[in-house]
C-alpha atoms as a PDB file:
ATOM      1  CA  MET A   1     -11.532  24.496  28.770  1.00  0.00           C
ATOM      2  CA  VAL A   2      -8.835  26.515  26.870  1.00  0.00           C
ATOM      3  CA  SER A   3     -10.404  26.988  22.916  1.00  0.00           C
ATOM      4  CA  MET A   4      -8.507  27.554  19.427  1.00  0.00           C
ATOM      5  CA  LYS A   5     -10.562  30.912  19.960  1.00  0.00           C
ATOM      6  CA  ASP A   6      -8.616  31.772  23.137  1.00  0.00           C
ATOM      7  CA  ILE A   7      -5.050  31.187  21.337  1.00  0.00           C
ATOM      8  CA  ALA A   8      -6.303  33.047  17.928  1.00  0.00           C
ATOM      9  CA  LEU A   9      -7.192  36.226  20.624  1.00  0.00           C
ATOM     10  CA  ARG A  10      -3.483  35.851  22.452  1.00  0.00           C
ATOM     11  CA  CYS A  11      -1.353  35.214  18.824  1.00  0.00           C
ATOM     12  CA  GLY A  12      -3.525  38.368  16.615  1.00  0.00           C
ATOM     13  CA  VAL A  13      -4.310  35.301  14.870  1.00  0.00           C
ATOM     14  CA  SER A  14      -7.058  33.575  12.929  1.00  0.00           C
ATOM     15  CA  VAL A  15      -8.304  30.685  14.641  1.00  0.00           C
ATOM     16  CA  ALA A  16      -8.017  28.703  10.732  1.00  0.00           C
ATOM     17  CA  THR A  17      -4.385  29.852  11.449  1.00  0.00           C
ATOM     18  CA  VAL A  18      -4.018  28.316  15.174  1.00  0.00           C
ATOM     19  CA  SER A  19      -5.653  24.833  13.850  1.00  0.00           C
ATOM     20  CA  LYS A  20      -3.179  24.357  11.213  1.00  0.00           C
ATOM     21  CA  ALA A  21      -0.198  24.992  13.023  1.00  0.00           C
ATOM     22  CA  LEU A  22      -1.463  22.424  16.088  1.00  0.00           C
ATOM     23  CA  ASN A  23      -2.146  19.703  13.107  1.00  0.00           C
ATOM     24  CA  GLY A  24       1.871  20.576  11.617  1.00  0.00           C
ATOM     25  CA  GLN A  25      -0.368  21.499   8.284  1.00  0.00           C
ATOM     26  CA  PRO A  26       2.292  23.496   5.853  1.00  0.00           C
ATOM     27  CA  ASP A  27       1.294  26.792   4.329  1.00  0.00           C
ATOM     28  CA  ILE A  28       2.120  28.960   7.190  1.00  0.00           C
ATOM     29  CA  GLY A  29       5.173  30.562   8.311  1.00  0.00           C
ATOM     30  CA  GLU A  30       8.092  28.635  11.424  1.00  0.00           C
ATOM     31  CA  GLU A  31       7.656  31.591  13.186  1.00  0.00           C
ATOM     32  CA  THR A  32       3.771  31.930  13.317  1.00  0.00           C
ATOM     33  CA  ARG A  33       3.607  28.385  14.205  1.00  0.00           C
ATOM     34  CA  SER A  34       6.395  28.254  17.150  1.00  0.00           C
ATOM     35  CA  ARG A  35       4.664  30.975  18.147  1.00  0.00           C
ATOM     36  CA  ILE A  36       0.971  28.888  18.021  1.00  0.00           C
ATOM     37  CA  ILE A  37       2.338  25.728  19.458  1.00  0.00           C
ATOM     38  CA  ALA A  38       4.694  27.982  22.482  1.00  0.00           C
ATOM     39  CA  ALA A  39       1.394  29.976  23.358  1.00  0.00           C
ATOM     40  CA  ALA A  40      -1.001  26.677  23.709  1.00  0.00           C
ATOM     41  CA  GLN A  41       1.415  24.562  25.844  1.00  0.00           C
ATOM     42  CA  GLU A  42       1.475  27.262  28.367  1.00  0.00           C
ATOM     43  CA  MET A  43      -2.389  28.224  27.839  1.00  0.00           C
ATOM     44  CA  GLY A  44      -2.605  23.932  28.677  1.00  0.00           C
ATOM     45  CA  TYR A  45      -4.577  23.292  25.492  1.00  0.00           C
ATOM     46  CA  MET A  46      -5.489  19.874  24.968  1.00  0.00           C
ATOM     47  CA  THR A  47      -6.755  18.648  21.311  1.00  0.00           C
ATOM     48  CA  ASN A  48     -10.592  17.719  21.669  1.00  0.00           C
ATOM     49  CA  SER A  49     -10.196  13.288  21.116  1.00  0.00           C
ATOM     50  CA  ALA A  50     -13.636  13.143  19.970  1.00  0.00           C
ATOM     51  CA  ALA A  51     -12.511  15.712  17.019  1.00  0.00           C
ATOM     52  CA  ARG A  52      -9.578  14.427  16.154  1.00  0.00           C
ATOM     53  CA  ALA A  53     -10.907  11.754  15.953  1.00  0.00           C
ATOM     54  CA  LEU A  54     -13.727  13.042  12.899  1.00  0.00           C
ATOM     55  CA  LYS A  55     -10.616  14.354  11.133  1.00  0.00           C
ATOM     56  CA  THR A  56      -8.252  11.655  11.270  1.00  0.00           C
ATOM     57  CA  ASN A  57     -10.883   9.283  10.650  1.00  0.00           C
ATOM     58  CA  ARG A  58      -8.283   7.297  13.991  1.00  0.00           C
ATOM     59  CA  THR A  59      -8.936   7.458  17.816  1.00  0.00           C
ATOM     60  CA  TYR A  60      -5.885   7.316  18.898  1.00  0.00           C
ATOM     61  CA  ASN A  61      -6.321   3.988  20.753  1.00  0.00           C
ATOM     62  CA  LEU A  62      -3.880   0.987  20.768  1.00  0.00           C
ATOM     63  CA  GLY A  63      -5.429  -2.742  21.797  1.00  0.00           C
ATOM     64  CA  VAL A  64      -3.035  -4.660  24.406  1.00  0.00           C
ATOM     65  CA  LEU A  65      -4.849  -8.203  24.103  1.00  0.00           C
ATOM     66  CA  PHE A  66      -3.012 -10.068  27.042  1.00  0.00           C
ATOM     67  CA  VAL A  67      -3.969 -13.601  28.237  1.00  0.00           C
ATOM     68  CA  ASP A  68      -1.267 -14.898  31.284  1.00  0.00           C
ATOM     69  CA  GLU A  69      -2.181 -18.610  31.528  1.00  0.00           C
ATOM     70  CA  ARG A  70      -0.724 -18.942  34.287  1.00  0.00           C
ATOM     71  CA  ARG A  71      -2.955 -15.903  35.712  1.00  0.00           C
ATOM     72  CA  SER A  72       0.009 -14.266  37.188  1.00  0.00           C
ATOM     73  CA  GLY A  73      -1.357 -10.909  34.966  1.00  0.00           C
ATOM     74  CA  LEU A  74       1.064  -7.579  35.040  1.00  0.00           C
ATOM     75  CA  ALA A  75       3.423  -9.117  37.834  1.00  0.00           C
ATOM     76  CA  HIS A  76       5.066 -11.481  34.119  1.00  0.00           C
ATOM     77  CA  GLU A  77       7.748  -9.487  34.763  1.00  0.00           C
ATOM     78  CA  TYR A  78       9.190 -10.506  31.490  1.00  0.00           C
ATOM     79  CA  PHE A  79       5.512  -9.023  29.727  1.00  0.00           C
ATOM     80  CA  SER A  80       5.016  -6.264  32.092  1.00  0.00           C
ATOM     81  CA  ALA A  81       8.101  -4.890  31.116  1.00  0.00           C
ATOM     82  CA  MET A  82       7.684  -5.045  28.001  1.00  0.00           C
ATOM     83  CA  LEU A  83       4.276  -3.793  27.463  1.00  0.00           C
ATOM     84  CA  GLU A  84       5.507  -0.887  29.878  1.00  0.00           C
ATOM     85  CA  SER A  85       8.438  -0.282  27.236  1.00  0.00           C
ATOM     86  CA  PHE A  86       5.103  -0.864  24.338  1.00  0.00           C
ATOM     87  CA  LYS A  87       2.951   1.640  26.747  1.00  0.00           C
ATOM     88  CA  VAL A  88       5.498   4.675  26.867  1.00  0.00           C
ATOM     89  CA  GLU A  89       6.385   4.454  23.102  1.00  0.00           C
ATOM     90  CA  ALA A  90       2.686   4.512  22.313  1.00  0.00           C
ATOM     91  CA  GLU A  91       2.367   7.628  24.683  1.00  0.00           C
ATOM     92  CA  ALA A  92       5.035   8.889  23.173  1.00  0.00           C
ATOM     93  CA  HIS A  93       3.648   8.976  19.576  1.00  0.00           C
ATOM     94  CA  GLY A  94      -0.210  10.597  21.321  1.00  0.00           C
ATOM     95  CA  TYR A  95      -1.650   6.962  21.398  1.00  0.00           C
ATOM     96  CA  ASP A  96      -3.541   5.266  24.972  1.00  0.00           C
ATOM     97  CA  ILE A  97      -4.265   1.970  24.898  1.00  0.00           C
ATOM     98  CA  THR A  98      -6.117  -0.292  26.124  1.00  0.00           C
ATOM     99  CA  PHE A  99      -6.498  -3.979  27.512  1.00  0.00           C
ATOM    100  CA  ILE A 100      -8.502  -6.610  24.970  1.00  0.00           C
ATOM    101  CA  ASN A 101     -10.950  -9.089  26.879  1.00  0.00           C
ATOM    102  CA  HIS A 102     -13.663 -11.168  25.956  1.00  0.00           C
ATOM    103  CA  ASN A 103     -16.753  -8.696  27.776  1.00  0.00           C
ATOM    104  CA  VAL A 104     -17.801  -6.051  27.590  1.00  0.00           C
ATOM    105  CA  GLY A 105     -20.655  -4.780  29.591  1.00  0.00           C
ATOM    106  CA  GLY A 106     -20.193  -7.729  31.751  1.00  0.00           C
ATOM    107  CA  LYS A 107     -21.422  -9.915  28.279  1.00  0.00           C
ATOM    108  CA  PRO A 108     -19.208 -12.350  26.395  1.00  0.00           C
ATOM    109  CA  THR A 109     -17.558 -11.238  23.101  1.00  0.00           C
ATOM    110  CA  SER A 110     -14.973 -12.264  20.820  1.00  0.00           C
ATOM    111  CA  TYR A 111     -12.124 -10.090  20.941  1.00  0.00           C
ATOM    112  CA  LEU A 112     -12.326  -8.805  17.511  1.00  0.00           C
ATOM    113  CA  GLN A 113     -16.054  -7.426  18.830  1.00  0.00           C
ATOM    114  CA  HIS A 114     -14.089  -5.525  21.543  1.00  0.00           C
ATOM    115  CA  CYS A 115     -11.421  -3.983  19.883  1.00  0.00           C
ATOM    116  CA  LEU A 116     -14.157  -2.811  17.171  1.00  0.00           C
ATOM    117  CA  TYR A 117     -16.086  -1.588  20.264  1.00  0.00           C
ATOM    118  CA  ARG A 118     -13.405   0.836  21.152  1.00  0.00           C
ATOM    119  CA  GLY A 119     -12.741   1.481  18.092  1.00  0.00           C
ATOM    120  CA  VAL A 120      -9.194   0.999  18.121  1.00  0.00           C
ATOM    121  CA  ASP A 121      -6.537   1.645  15.756  1.00  0.00           C
ATOM    122  CA  GLY A 122      -4.970  -1.200  16.096  1.00  0.00           C
ATOM    123  CA  VAL A 123      -3.466  -4.024  17.987  1.00  0.00           C
ATOM    124  CA  VAL A 124      -0.656  -5.867  19.721  1.00  0.00           C
ATOM    125  CA  ILE A 125      -1.001  -9.598  20.757  1.00  0.00           C
ATOM    126  CA  ALA A 126       1.020 -10.920  23.423  1.00  0.00           C
ATOM    127  CA  CYS A 127       1.012 -14.015  26.183  1.00  0.00           C
ATOM    128  CA  VAL A 128      -1.902 -16.006  24.358  1.00  0.00           C
ATOM    129  CA  ASP A 129      -3.179 -18.869  23.158  1.00  0.00           C
ATOM    130  CA  PHE A 130      -2.924 -18.914  19.721  1.00  0.00           C
ATOM    131  CA  ASN A 131      -4.952 -21.496  18.237  1.00  0.00           C
ATOM    132  CA  ASP A 132      -7.656 -20.268  20.292  1.00  0.00           C
ATOM    133  CA  PRO A 133     -10.384 -19.639  17.323  1.00  0.00           C
ATOM    134  CA  ARG A 134     -11.249 -15.627  19.160  1.00  0.00           C
ATOM    135  CA  VAL A 135      -6.775 -15.037  18.483  1.00  0.00           C
ATOM    136  CA  ARG A 136      -7.477 -16.839  15.634  1.00  0.00           C
ATOM    137  CA  GLU A 137     -10.494 -14.400  14.332  1.00  0.00           C
ATOM    138  CA  LEU A 138      -8.929 -11.545  15.293  1.00  0.00           C
ATOM    139  CA  VAL A 139      -5.076 -11.673  13.752  1.00  0.00           C
ATOM    140  CA  GLU A 140      -7.752 -12.993  10.490  1.00  0.00           C
ATOM    141  CA  SER A 141      -9.632  -9.186  10.903  1.00  0.00           C
ATOM    142  CA  LYS A 142      -7.871  -6.278   8.495  1.00  0.00           C
ATOM    143  CA  ILE A 143      -7.657  -4.362  12.854  1.00  0.00           C
ATOM    144  CA  PRO A 144      -3.112  -4.049  11.715  1.00  0.00           C
ATOM    145  CA  LEU A 145      -1.849  -5.527  14.056  1.00  0.00           C
ATOM    146  CA  VAL A 146       1.686  -7.018  15.180  1.00  0.00           C
ATOM    147  CA  THR A 147       2.230 -10.088  17.237  1.00  0.00           C
ATOM    148  CA  ILE A 148       5.087 -10.516  20.221  1.00  0.00           C
ATOM    149  CA  ASP A 149       6.945 -13.804  19.867  1.00  0.00           C
ATOM    150  CA  ARG A 150       5.049 -15.491  16.969  1.00  0.00           C
ATOM    151  CA  VAL A 151       4.675 -15.519  13.325  1.00  0.00           C
ATOM    152  CA  PHE A 152       1.671 -15.016  10.405  1.00  0.00           C
ATOM    153  CA  ASP A 153       1.789 -14.464   7.240  1.00  0.00           C
ATOM    154  CA  ASN A 154       1.195 -10.794   6.216  1.00  0.00           C
ATOM    155  CA  ARG A 155       1.133 -10.072   9.634  1.00  0.00           C
ATOM    156  CA  LEU A 156       4.402  -7.983  11.693  1.00  0.00           C
ATOM    157  CA  ALA A 157       5.860  -9.735  14.050  1.00  0.00           C
ATOM    158  CA  VAL A 158       8.546  -8.462  16.594  1.00  0.00           C
ATOM    159  CA  MET A 159      10.463 -11.508  18.205  1.00  0.00           C
ATOM    160  CA  SER A 160      12.751 -12.483  20.587  1.00  0.00           C
ATOM    161  CA  ASP A 161      16.021 -13.825  18.589  1.00  0.00           C
ATOM    162  CA  ASN A 162      15.275 -17.239  21.298  1.00  0.00           C
ATOM    163  CA  VAL A 163      17.316 -19.045  18.252  1.00  0.00           C
ATOM    164  CA  SER A 164      20.385 -17.400  19.148  1.00  0.00           C
ATOM    165  CA  GLY A 165      19.178 -16.899  22.823  1.00  0.00           C
ATOM    166  CA  VAL A 166      19.943 -20.303  24.040  1.00  0.00           C
ATOM    167  CA  SER A 167      22.866 -20.544  21.696  1.00  0.00           C
ATOM    168  CA  ALA A 168      24.565 -18.249  23.475  1.00  0.00           C
ATOM    169  CA  LEU A 169      23.577 -19.861  26.841  1.00  0.00           C
ATOM    170  CA  VAL A 170      25.197 -23.920  25.485  1.00  0.00           C
ATOM    171  CA  ARG A 171      27.930 -21.824  24.313  1.00  0.00           C
ATOM    172  CA  HIS A 172      28.977 -20.041  27.627  1.00  0.00           C
ATOM    173  CA  VAL A 173      28.194 -23.536  29.170  1.00  0.00           C
ATOM    174  CA  TYR A 174      30.418 -26.000  26.930  1.00  0.00           C
ATOM    175  CA  GLU A 175      32.972 -23.103  27.276  1.00  0.00           C
ATOM    176  CA  LYS A 176      32.910 -23.861  31.526  1.00  0.00           C
ATOM    177  CA  GLY A 177      33.981 -27.202  30.543  1.00  0.00           C
ATOM    178  CA  HIS A 178      29.893 -28.484  30.203  1.00  0.00           C
ATOM    179  CA  ARG A 179      29.110 -31.879  28.003  1.00  0.00           C
ATOM    180  CA  LYS A 180      26.544 -33.303  30.321  1.00  0.00           C
ATOM    181  CA  ILE A 181      23.763 -30.170  29.663  1.00  0.00           C
ATOM    182  CA  ALA A 182      19.696 -30.418  30.101  1.00  0.00           C
ATOM    183  CA  PHE A 183      16.884 -28.666  28.548  1.00  0.00           C
ATOM    184  CA  LEU A 184      14.435 -28.409  30.314  1.00  0.00           C
ATOM    185  CA  HIS A 185      11.884 -25.934  28.220  1.00  0.00           C
ATOM    186  CA  GLY A 186       8.109 -25.111  28.130  1.00  0.00           C
ATOM    187  CA  GLU A 187       5.451 -26.176  26.771  1.00  0.00           C
ATOM    188  CA  ARG A 188       5.072 -26.490  22.481  1.00  0.00           C
ATOM    189  CA  THR A 189       5.125 -23.146  21.305  1.00  0.00           C
ATOM    190  CA  SER A 190       7.043 -20.979  18.058  1.00  0.00           C
ATOM    191  CA  VAL A 191       9.119 -19.951  20.731  1.00  0.00           C
ATOM    192  CA  THR A 192       9.971 -23.066  22.320  1.00  0.00           C
ATOM    193  CA  ASN A 193      10.377 -24.198  18.770  1.00  0.00           C
ATOM    194  CA  ASN A 194      13.032 -21.922  18.169  1.00  0.00           C
ATOM    195  CA  ARG A 195      14.771 -22.737  21.339  1.00  0.00           C
ATOM    196  CA  LEU A 196      14.825 -26.063  20.528  1.00  0.00           C
ATOM    197  CA  ILE A 197      15.835 -25.206  17.858  1.00  0.00           C
ATOM    198  CA  GLY A 198      18.962 -23.321  18.536  1.00  0.00           C
ATOM    199  CA  PHE A 199      19.166 -25.625  21.331  1.00  0.00           C
ATOM    200  CA  HIS A 200      20.192 -29.038  18.690  1.00  0.00           C
ATOM    201  CA  ARG A 201      22.162 -26.914  16.599  1.00  0.00           C
ATOM    202  CA  THR A 202      24.124 -25.147  18.914  1.00  0.00           C
ATOM    203  CA  CYS A 203      25.249 -29.756  20.260  1.00  0.00           C
ATOM    204  CA  GLU A 204      25.745 -30.298  16.901  1.00  0.00           C
ATOM    205  CA  GLU A 205      27.829 -27.895  16.025  1.00  0.00           C
ATOM    206  CA  LEU A 206      29.603 -28.431  19.515  1.00  0.00           C
ATOM    207  CA  GLY A 207      30.164 -32.294  18.888  1.00  0.00           C
ATOM    208  CA  LEU A 208      27.677 -32.719  21.856  1.00  0.00           C
ATOM    209  CA  GLU A 209      25.489 -35.789  22.122  1.00  0.00           C
ATOM    210  CA  ILE A 210      22.786 -35.514  24.233  1.00  0.00           C
ATOM    211  CA  PRO A 211      20.767 -37.812  25.776  1.00  0.00           C
ATOM    212  CA  ASP A 212      16.947 -37.969  25.497  1.00  0.00           C
ATOM    213  CA  GLU A 213      15.997 -38.099  28.788  1.00  0.00           C
ATOM    214  CA  TYR A 214      17.953 -35.428  28.932  1.00  0.00           C
ATOM    215  CA  ILE A 215      14.840 -32.856  27.504  1.00  0.00           C
ATOM    216  CA  ILE A 216      12.289 -32.447  29.702  1.00  0.00           C
ATOM    217  CA  GLU A 217       9.223 -30.463  28.858  1.00  0.00           C
ATOM    218  CA  CYS A 218       7.839 -28.434  31.781  1.00  0.00           C
ATOM    219  CA  VAL A 219       5.086 -24.733  31.696  1.00  0.00           C
ATOM    220  CA  TYR A 220       6.899 -21.502  31.377  1.00  0.00           C
ATOM    221  CA  HIS A 221       6.366 -19.385  34.384  1.00  0.00           C
ATOM    222  CA  ASP A 222       5.840 -23.105  36.636  1.00  0.00           C
ATOM    223  CA  PRO A 223       7.781 -23.770  39.267  1.00  0.00           C
ATOM    224  CA  ASP A 224       5.527 -26.782  40.654  1.00  0.00           C
ATOM    225  CA  ARG A 225       6.133 -28.269  36.661  1.00  0.00           C
ATOM    226  CA  CYS A 226      10.604 -27.418  36.524  1.00  0.00           C
ATOM    227  CA  ALA A 227      10.331 -29.223  40.316  1.00  0.00           C
ATOM    228  CA  GLU A 228       8.843 -32.355  39.126  1.00  0.00           C
ATOM    229  CA  ALA A 229      11.259 -32.496  35.502  1.00  0.00           C
ATOM    230  CA  THR A 230      14.189 -31.329  38.096  1.00  0.00           C
ATOM    231  CA  ARG A 231      13.157 -34.431  40.279  1.00  0.00           C
ATOM    232  CA  GLN A 232      13.237 -36.737  37.145  1.00  0.00           C
ATOM    233  CA  LEU A 233      16.344 -35.904  35.846  1.00  0.00           C
ATOM    234  CA  LEU A 234      18.090 -36.154  39.129  1.00  0.00           C
ATOM    235  CA  SER A 235      16.973 -39.778  39.110  1.00  0.00           C
ATOM    236  CA  LEU A 236      19.506 -40.501  35.923  1.00  0.00           C
ATOM    237  CA  PRO A 237      21.962 -43.309  36.366  1.00  0.00           C
ATOM    238  CA  ASP A 238      23.881 -40.541  34.543  1.00  0.00           C
ATOM    239  CA  ARG A 239      22.695 -37.038  35.521  1.00  0.00           C
ATOM    240  CA  PRO A 240      23.792 -34.125  33.978  1.00  0.00           C
ATOM    241  CA  SER A 241      26.298 -31.659  34.759  1.00  0.00           C
ATOM    242  CA  CYS A 242      24.750 -28.848  33.925  1.00  0.00           C
ATOM    243  CA  ILE A 243      20.414 -27.856  33.845  1.00  0.00           C
ATOM    244  CA  LEU A 244      18.519 -24.824  31.701  1.00  0.00           C
ATOM    245  CA  PHE A 245      15.469 -24.377  33.025  1.00  0.00           C
ATOM    246  CA  PRO A 246      13.026 -22.464  30.837  1.00  0.00           C
ATOM    247  CA  ASP A 247      13.123 -19.395  32.259  1.00  0.00           C
ATOM    248  CA  ASP A 248      13.828 -17.543  35.246  1.00  0.00           C
ATOM    249  CA  PHE A 249      11.009 -17.540  38.052  1.00  0.00           C
ATOM    250  CA  SER A 250      10.759 -21.461  36.652  1.00  0.00           C
ATOM    251  CA  TYR A 251      13.745 -21.784  37.838  1.00  0.00           C
ATOM    252  CA  ILE A 252      12.421 -21.549  41.777  1.00  0.00           C
ATOM    253  CA  GLY A 253      11.350 -24.992  41.775  1.00  0.00           C
ATOM    254  CA  GLY A 254      14.152 -26.507  40.287  1.00  0.00           C
ATOM    255  CA  MET A 255      16.642 -24.841  42.681  1.00  0.00           C
ATOM    256  CA  ASN A 256      13.882 -25.603  45.737  1.00  0.00           C
ATOM    257  CA  VAL A 257      14.460 -29.079  44.333  1.00  0.00           C
ATOM    258  CA  LEU A 258      18.632 -29.450  43.969  1.00  0.00           C
ATOM    259  CA  ILE A 259      19.055 -27.999  47.621  1.00  0.00           C
ATOM    260  CA  GLU A 260      16.572 -30.738  49.132  1.00  0.00           C
ATOM    261  CA  ALA A 261      18.487 -33.323  47.181  1.00  0.00           C
ATOM    262  CA  GLY A 262      21.623 -31.218  49.336  1.00  0.00           C
ATOM    263  CA  LEU A 263      23.199 -30.319  45.696  1.00  0.00           C
ATOM    264  CA  ARG A 264      25.467 -27.340  45.790  1.00  0.00           C
ATOM    265  CA  ILE A 265      25.237 -25.020  42.594  1.00  0.00           C
ATOM    266  CA  PRO A 266      27.289 -24.869  41.493  1.00  0.00           C
ATOM    267  CA  GLU A 267      29.927 -27.124  43.475  1.00  0.00           C
ATOM    268  CA  ASP A 268      27.516 -29.698  43.068  1.00  0.00           C
ATOM    269  CA  ILE A 269      25.718 -29.424  39.633  1.00  0.00           C
ATOM    270  CA  SER A 270      25.035 -25.656  37.991  1.00  0.00           C
ATOM    271  CA  VAL A 271      21.567 -24.654  36.130  1.00  0.00           C
ATOM    272  CA  VAL A 272      21.814 -20.955  34.106  1.00  0.00           C
ATOM    273  CA  GLY A 273      17.663 -19.515  33.454  1.00  0.00           C
ATOM    274  CA  TYR A 274      16.504 -17.433  31.077  1.00  0.00           C
ATOM    275  CA  ASP A 275      14.308 -14.218  30.611  1.00  0.00           C
ATOM    276  CA  GLY A 276      16.595 -11.557  33.194  1.00  0.00           C
ATOM    277  CA  ILE A 277      14.063 -10.780  35.259  1.00  0.00           C
ATOM    278  CA  HIS A 278      15.444  -9.115  38.098  1.00  0.00           C
ATOM    279  CA  LEU A 279      14.979 -12.519  40.258  1.00  0.00           C
ATOM    280  CA  ALA A 280      18.717 -13.445  38.188  1.00  0.00           C
ATOM    281  CA  LYS A 281      20.693 -10.898  39.384  1.00  0.00           C
ATOM    282  CA  VAL A 282      19.159 -11.353  43.114  1.00  0.00           C
ATOM    283  CA  LEU A 283      19.895 -15.221  43.306  1.00  0.00           C
ATOM    284  CA  ARG A 284      23.259 -14.170  40.781  1.00  0.00           C
ATOM    285  CA  LEU A 285      21.834 -16.969  38.190  1.00  0.00           C
ATOM    286  CA  THR A 286      23.223 -17.601  34.984  1.00  0.00           C
ATOM    287  CA  THR A 287      21.011 -16.062  32.522  1.00  0.00           C
ATOM    288  CA  TYR A 288      19.842 -15.007  28.758  1.00  0.00           C
ATOM    289  CA  SER A 289      18.483 -11.583  29.029  1.00  0.00           C
ATOM    290  CA  GLN A 290      15.897 -10.832  26.457  1.00  0.00           C
ATOM    291  CA  ASN A 291      15.810  -7.046  25.511  1.00  0.00           C
ATOM    292  CA  THR A 292      11.976  -6.576  26.992  1.00  0.00           C
ATOM    293  CA  ALA A 293      12.383  -2.498  26.527  1.00  0.00           C
ATOM    294  CA  ALA A 294      13.252  -2.787  22.473  1.00  0.00           C
ATOM    295  CA  LEU A 295      10.569  -5.275  22.138  1.00  0.00           C
ATOM    296  CA  GLY A 296       8.041  -3.150  23.380  1.00  0.00           C
ATOM    297  CA  ARG A 297       9.503  -0.171  21.766  1.00  0.00           C
ATOM    298  CA  THR A 298       9.589  -1.744  18.926  1.00  0.00           C
ATOM    299  CA  ALA A 299       6.737  -3.165  18.889  1.00  0.00           C
ATOM    300  CA  ALA A 300       4.644   0.080  19.204  1.00  0.00           C
ATOM    301  CA  ALA A 301       6.741   1.686  17.164  1.00  0.00           C
ATOM    302  CA  ARG A 302       5.793  -0.235  13.737  1.00  0.00           C
ATOM    303  CA  LEU A 303       2.416  -0.629  15.040  1.00  0.00           C
ATOM    304  CA  ILE A 304       2.156   2.603  15.059  1.00  0.00           C
ATOM    305  CA  SER A 305       3.111   2.873  10.903  1.00  0.00           C
ATOM    306  CA  LEU A 306       1.899   0.895  10.059  1.00  0.00           C
ATOM    307  CA  ILE A 307      -1.305   2.148  11.305  1.00  0.00           C
ATOM    308  CA  GLU A 308      -0.648   5.979   9.394  1.00  0.00           C
ATOM    309  CA  HIS A 309       1.187   4.835   6.874  1.00  0.00           C
ATOM    310  CA  PRO A 310      -0.479   1.542   5.730  1.00  0.00           C
ATOM    311  CA  LYS A 311       1.263   1.822   1.925  1.00  0.00           C
ATOM    312  CA  THR A 312       4.969   1.459   2.824  1.00  0.00           C
ATOM    313  CA  THR A 313       4.792  -0.509   6.457  1.00  0.00           C
ATOM    314  CA  VAL A 314       6.954  -3.682   5.561  1.00  0.00           C
ATOM    315  CA  LEU A 315       5.279  -6.975   6.786  1.00  0.00           C
ATOM    316  CA  ASP A 316       7.659  -8.159   7.933  1.00  0.00           C
ATOM    317  CA  ARG A 317       9.674 -10.474  11.026  1.00  0.00           C
ATOM    318  CA  VAL A 318      11.468  -8.254  12.948  1.00  0.00           C
ATOM    319  CA  LEU A 319      14.016 -10.317  15.829  1.00  0.00           C
ATOM    320  CA  ILE A 320      15.562  -8.561  18.399  1.00  0.00           C
ATOM    321  CA  GLU A 321      18.644  -9.871  20.430  1.00  0.00           C
ATOM    322  CA  GLY A 322      19.436 -10.230  23.711  1.00  0.00           C
ATOM    323  CA  SER A 323      21.746 -10.678  25.988  1.00  0.00           C
ATOM    324  CA  LEU A 324      24.168 -13.613  28.333  1.00  0.00           C
ATOM    325  CA  MET A 325      23.854 -12.131  31.985  1.00  0.00           C
ATOM    326  CA  GLU A 326      26.749 -14.058  33.751  1.00  0.00           C
ATOM    327  CA  GLY A 327      26.003 -15.263  37.181  1.00  0.00           C
ATOM    328  CA  THR A 328      28.116 -17.257  39.293  1.00  0.00           C
ATOM    329  CA  SER A 329      25.573 -20.467  38.836  1.00  0.00           C
ATOM    330  CA  VAL A 330      28.028 -21.946  36.521  1.00  0.00           C
ATOM    331  CA  LYS A 331      31.035 -24.235  37.404  1.00  0.00           C
ATOM    332  CA  GLN A 332      34.546 -24.059  35.389  1.00  0.00           C
ATOM    333  CA  ILE A 333      34.988 -27.476  35.050  1.00  0.00           C
END
């Protein structure tokens, strides 16, 4: 393995000078620094992570807490895309990532204990039950932390702009001539609350009166529950002309029910989704595409800033806008 001494001999400088160049210290000439860095790269020098941790008091390791109750894991396209973006940004800053759980060496533990055991510098939390006491314990700890789609006092949060997202869908459907718009939403979370605000606010601005029976609670990423809710809508004496589904994947359940009922999309009934996953493009589903790349990238950048610059990083909420993705699933009335 190449050492600093090897680089020093190659460049004809002291080991101390090599150390200063590789650690970005200012008291050496730029020409010397560039020559040392070039030699280190050419020789395949790698910083010893243990030594770097001792020197900087950091492990350069970020924890990821991701618990999907639907058990789809990283097959959940929305979250997997976001976490991939988070990983790429973290690695660009020299950080590795570790998935946090409540089991260490076969022994049950808390999320906080696992973070301390792994010595992570910070944590990103996405897709969890934020009411879980183990999650609350971690959020209330002193570990630098950023949450995805959930706001806590004195914590960084990166949010998809769900209010604007649903509003964009409602306005698009309205412009297509629809007035009887149903909304199947996910379970009650801060994400769902914001989407409901966007729905009701936009309907009010457009002068639409939506019957209570048009608004039904489902479960995100659950086609079966979505199928049940769709049947419920179809049984109404005055059924909607357009249905907003909680997400693109759940729409599959609703789509199957509509087909079984002999209804054509969009000729007989219109539909829209949410998320903008690849499946929506295949089905030509009109949906709202969440900017997963920006969500993950921003979460990583803000978390690293909080770790490296704790006194100057603002603990605020960052809203990430998405965009309407128009397919062929909404009929022009």
